[in-house]
């Protein structure tokens, strides 16, 4: 049986029962990765590492999207 992990995304708690990378998480929630900054456990996370970092129990992820305008 898979162990359930709880994590926080933009302040809301979610639970997963399988290994998932940050890039898979962004894809699941349909974020445009070209227009965002990702904070992982209080550190800005480099885009090249998103495939290598897998969510663990009690992780805190904050996503800030960039919006242009005039």
N, C-alpha and C. Protein backbone atom coordinates (compact mmCIF):
# COMPACT_ATOMS: atom_id res chain seq x y z
N UNK A 1 0.84 -1.18 0.00
CA UNK A 1 0.00 0.00 0.00
C UNK A 1 0.89 1.25 0.00
N UNK A 2 0.53 2.22 -0.83
CA UNK A 2 1.31 3.45 -0.95
C UNK A 2 1.09 4.35 0.26
N UNK A 3 2.14 5.00 0.64
CA UNK A 3 2.05 5.94 1.77
C UNK A 3 1.53 7.28 1.26
N UNK A 4 0.55 7.83 1.93
CA UNK A 4 -0.05 9.09 1.53
C UNK A 4 0.79 10.24 2.09
N UNK A 5 1.08 11.21 1.20
CA UNK A 5 1.85 12.38 1.58
C UNK A 5 0.95 13.60 1.47
N UNK A 6 1.05 14.46 2.44
CA UNK A 6 0.32 15.72 2.40
C UNK A 6 1.28 16.85 2.11
N UNK A 7 0.86 17.77 1.26
CA UNK A 7 1.69 18.93 0.95
C UNK A 7 0.79 20.14 0.78
N UNK A 8 1.40 21.31 0.80
CA UNK A 8 0.65 22.56 0.67
C UNK A 8 1.04 23.24 -0.64
N UNK A 9 0.02 23.62 -1.39
CA UNK A 9 0.23 24.35 -2.64
C UNK A 9 -0.54 25.66 -2.53
N UNK A 10 0.20 26.76 -2.53
CA UNK A 10 -0.40 28.09 -2.37
C UNK A 10 -1.33 28.15 -1.16
N UNK A 11 -0.90 27.52 -0.06
CA UNK A 11 -1.63 27.58 1.19
C UNK A 11 -2.74 26.54 1.36
N UNK A 12 -3.04 25.80 0.30
CA UNK A 12 -4.10 24.79 0.38
C UNK A 12 -3.47 23.40 0.48
N UNK A 13 -4.02 22.57 1.36
CA UNK A 13 -3.46 21.24 1.57
C UNK A 13 -4.00 20.24 0.55
N UNK A 14 -3.08 19.42 0.02
CA UNK A 14 -3.41 18.34 -0.91
C UNK A 14 -2.76 17.06 -0.41
N UNK A 15 -3.29 15.92 -0.86
CA UNK A 15 -2.72 14.62 -0.52
C UNK A 15 -2.47 13.83 -1.80
N UNK A 16 -1.35 13.12 -1.83
CA UNK A 16 -1.03 12.25 -2.95
C UNK A 16 -0.56 10.91 -2.42
N UNK A 17 -0.68 9.89 -3.25
CA UNK A 17 -0.25 8.56 -2.83
C UNK A 17 0.79 7.96 -3.76
N UNK A 18 1.41 8.82 -4.59
CA UNK A 18 2.47 8.34 -5.48
C UNK A 18 3.52 9.43 -5.62
N UNK A 19 4.67 9.04 -6.15
CA UNK A 19 5.75 10.00 -6.35
C UNK A 19 5.39 10.92 -7.51
N UNK A 20 5.54 12.21 -7.29
CA UNK A 20 5.23 13.20 -8.32
C UNK A 20 6.26 14.32 -8.24
N UNK A 21 6.78 14.70 -9.41
CA UNK A 21 7.78 15.77 -9.45
C UNK A 21 7.07 17.12 -9.51
N UNK A 22 7.85 18.17 -9.29
CA UNK A 22 7.29 19.51 -9.37
C UNK A 22 6.76 19.79 -10.78
N UNK A 23 7.48 19.35 -11.80
CA UNK A 23 7.01 19.60 -13.16
C UNK A 23 5.71 18.85 -13.45
N UNK A 24 5.55 17.65 -12.91
CA UNK A 24 4.29 16.90 -13.08
C UNK A 24 3.15 17.60 -12.35
N UNK A 25 3.44 18.16 -11.20
CA UNK A 25 2.43 18.90 -10.45
C UNK A 25 1.95 20.12 -11.24
N UNK A 26 2.88 20.85 -11.81
CA UNK A 26 2.53 22.03 -12.61
C UNK A 26 1.70 21.64 -13.82
N UNK A 27 2.06 20.55 -14.43
CA UNK A 27 1.30 20.06 -15.58
C UNK A 27 -0.11 19.65 -15.17
N UNK A 28 -0.24 18.98 -14.05
CA UNK A 28 -1.54 18.54 -13.57
C UNK A 28 -2.48 19.73 -13.34
N UNK A 29 -1.95 20.80 -12.75
CA UNK A 29 -2.76 21.98 -12.48
C UNK A 29 -2.79 22.96 -13.66
N UNK A 30 -2.19 22.56 -14.78
CA UNK A 30 -2.23 23.31 -16.04
C UNK A 30 -1.61 24.71 -15.92
N UNK A 31 -0.48 24.79 -15.24
CA UNK A 31 0.26 26.05 -15.15
C UNK A 31 1.15 26.19 -16.38
N UNK A 32 1.31 27.40 -16.87
CA UNK A 32 2.25 27.69 -17.94
C UNK A 32 3.61 27.95 -17.29
N UNK A 33 4.52 27.01 -17.41
CA UNK A 33 5.79 27.10 -16.70
C UNK A 33 6.66 28.26 -17.17
N UNK A 34 6.36 28.82 -18.32
CA UNK A 34 7.14 29.96 -18.81
C UNK A 34 6.80 31.25 -18.07
N UNK A 35 5.65 31.25 -17.38
CA UNK A 35 5.18 32.49 -16.77
C UNK A 35 5.03 32.39 -15.26
N UNK A 36 5.92 31.67 -14.61
CA UNK A 36 5.78 31.56 -13.16
C UNK A 36 7.11 31.44 -12.46
N UNK A 37 7.05 31.70 -11.16
CA UNK A 37 8.17 31.49 -10.25
C UNK A 37 7.69 30.50 -9.22
N UNK A 38 8.52 29.50 -8.92
CA UNK A 38 8.12 28.45 -7.99
C UNK A 38 9.00 28.50 -6.74
N UNK A 39 8.35 28.59 -5.59
CA UNK A 39 9.04 28.55 -4.31
C UNK A 39 8.76 27.20 -3.68
N UNK A 40 9.83 26.48 -3.33
CA UNK A 40 9.72 25.14 -2.76
C UNK A 40 10.36 25.15 -1.38
N UNK A 41 9.55 24.97 -0.35
CA UNK A 41 10.03 24.99 1.04
C UNK A 41 10.86 26.23 1.34
N UNK A 42 10.29 27.39 0.96
CA UNK A 42 10.85 28.71 1.25
C UNK A 42 12.08 29.09 0.43
N UNK A 43 12.38 28.36 -0.65
CA UNK A 43 13.49 28.70 -1.53
C UNK A 43 12.99 28.75 -2.97
N UNK A 44 13.45 29.74 -3.71
CA UNK A 44 13.12 29.82 -5.13
C UNK A 44 13.78 28.62 -5.82
N UNK A 45 12.99 27.91 -6.58
CA UNK A 45 13.46 26.68 -7.21
C UNK A 45 13.75 26.93 -8.69
N UNK A 46 14.95 26.57 -9.12
CA UNK A 46 15.36 26.73 -10.51
C UNK A 46 14.58 25.78 -11.41
N UNK A 47 14.13 26.28 -12.54
CA UNK A 47 13.31 25.50 -13.46
C UNK A 47 14.00 24.21 -13.91
N UNK A 48 15.32 24.22 -14.05
CA UNK A 48 16.03 23.02 -14.50
C UNK A 48 15.95 21.87 -13.47
N UNK A 49 15.57 22.17 -12.24
CA UNK A 49 15.49 21.16 -11.19
C UNK A 49 14.08 20.59 -10.99
N UNK A 50 13.09 21.15 -11.66
CA UNK A 50 11.70 20.74 -11.42
C UNK A 50 11.45 19.27 -11.71
N UNK A 51 12.15 18.68 -12.66
CA UNK A 51 11.98 17.25 -12.97
C UNK A 51 12.66 16.36 -11.93
N UNK A 52 13.62 16.91 -11.20
CA UNK A 52 14.42 16.13 -10.25
C UNK A 52 13.87 16.17 -8.83
N UNK A 53 13.01 17.13 -8.54
CA UNK A 53 12.50 17.30 -7.17
C UNK A 53 11.13 16.66 -7.07
N UNK A 54 11.01 15.70 -6.16
CA UNK A 54 9.75 15.01 -5.93
C UNK A 54 9.14 15.45 -4.61
N UNK A 55 7.85 15.60 -4.60
CA UNK A 55 7.13 16.10 -3.44
C UNK A 55 7.21 15.08 -2.31
N UNK A 56 7.49 15.60 -1.12
CA UNK A 56 7.53 14.76 0.08
C UNK A 56 6.51 15.29 1.08
N UNK A 57 6.34 14.57 2.14
CA UNK A 57 5.34 14.93 3.15
C UNK A 57 5.62 16.30 3.75
N UNK A 58 4.59 17.12 3.85
CA UNK A 58 4.61 18.45 4.47
C UNK A 58 5.38 19.50 3.68
N UNK A 59 5.66 19.24 2.40
CA UNK A 59 6.29 20.26 1.56
C UNK A 59 5.38 21.46 1.42
N UNK A 60 6.01 22.62 1.23
CA UNK A 60 5.26 23.86 1.00
C UNK A 60 5.69 24.43 -0.33
N UNK A 61 4.74 24.54 -1.24
CA UNK A 61 5.00 25.01 -2.58
C UNK A 61 4.15 26.25 -2.83
N UNK A 62 4.81 27.30 -3.28
CA UNK A 62 4.10 28.53 -3.63
C UNK A 62 4.40 28.82 -5.09
N UNK A 63 3.37 29.12 -5.85
CA UNK A 63 3.52 29.42 -7.26
C UNK A 63 3.03 30.85 -7.48
N UNK A 64 3.89 31.67 -8.08
CA UNK A 64 3.55 33.04 -8.40
C UNK A 64 3.57 33.16 -9.91
N UNK A 65 2.44 33.52 -10.50
CA UNK A 65 2.38 33.68 -11.94
C UNK A 65 2.67 35.12 -12.31
N UNK A 66 3.31 35.29 -13.45
CA UNK A 66 3.67 36.61 -13.94
C UNK A 66 2.58 37.06 -14.90
N UNK A 67 2.08 38.26 -14.66
CA UNK A 67 1.01 38.80 -15.49
C UNK A 67 1.50 40.10 -16.08
N UNK A 68 1.38 40.21 -17.39
CA UNK A 68 1.77 41.44 -18.06
C UNK A 68 0.57 42.34 -18.29
N UNK A 69 0.85 43.56 -18.55
CA UNK A 69 -0.23 44.49 -18.83
C UNK A 69 0.30 45.91 -18.94
N UNK A 70 -0.59 46.79 -19.17
CA UNK A 70 -0.16 48.17 -19.35
C UNK A 70 -0.94 49.12 -18.51
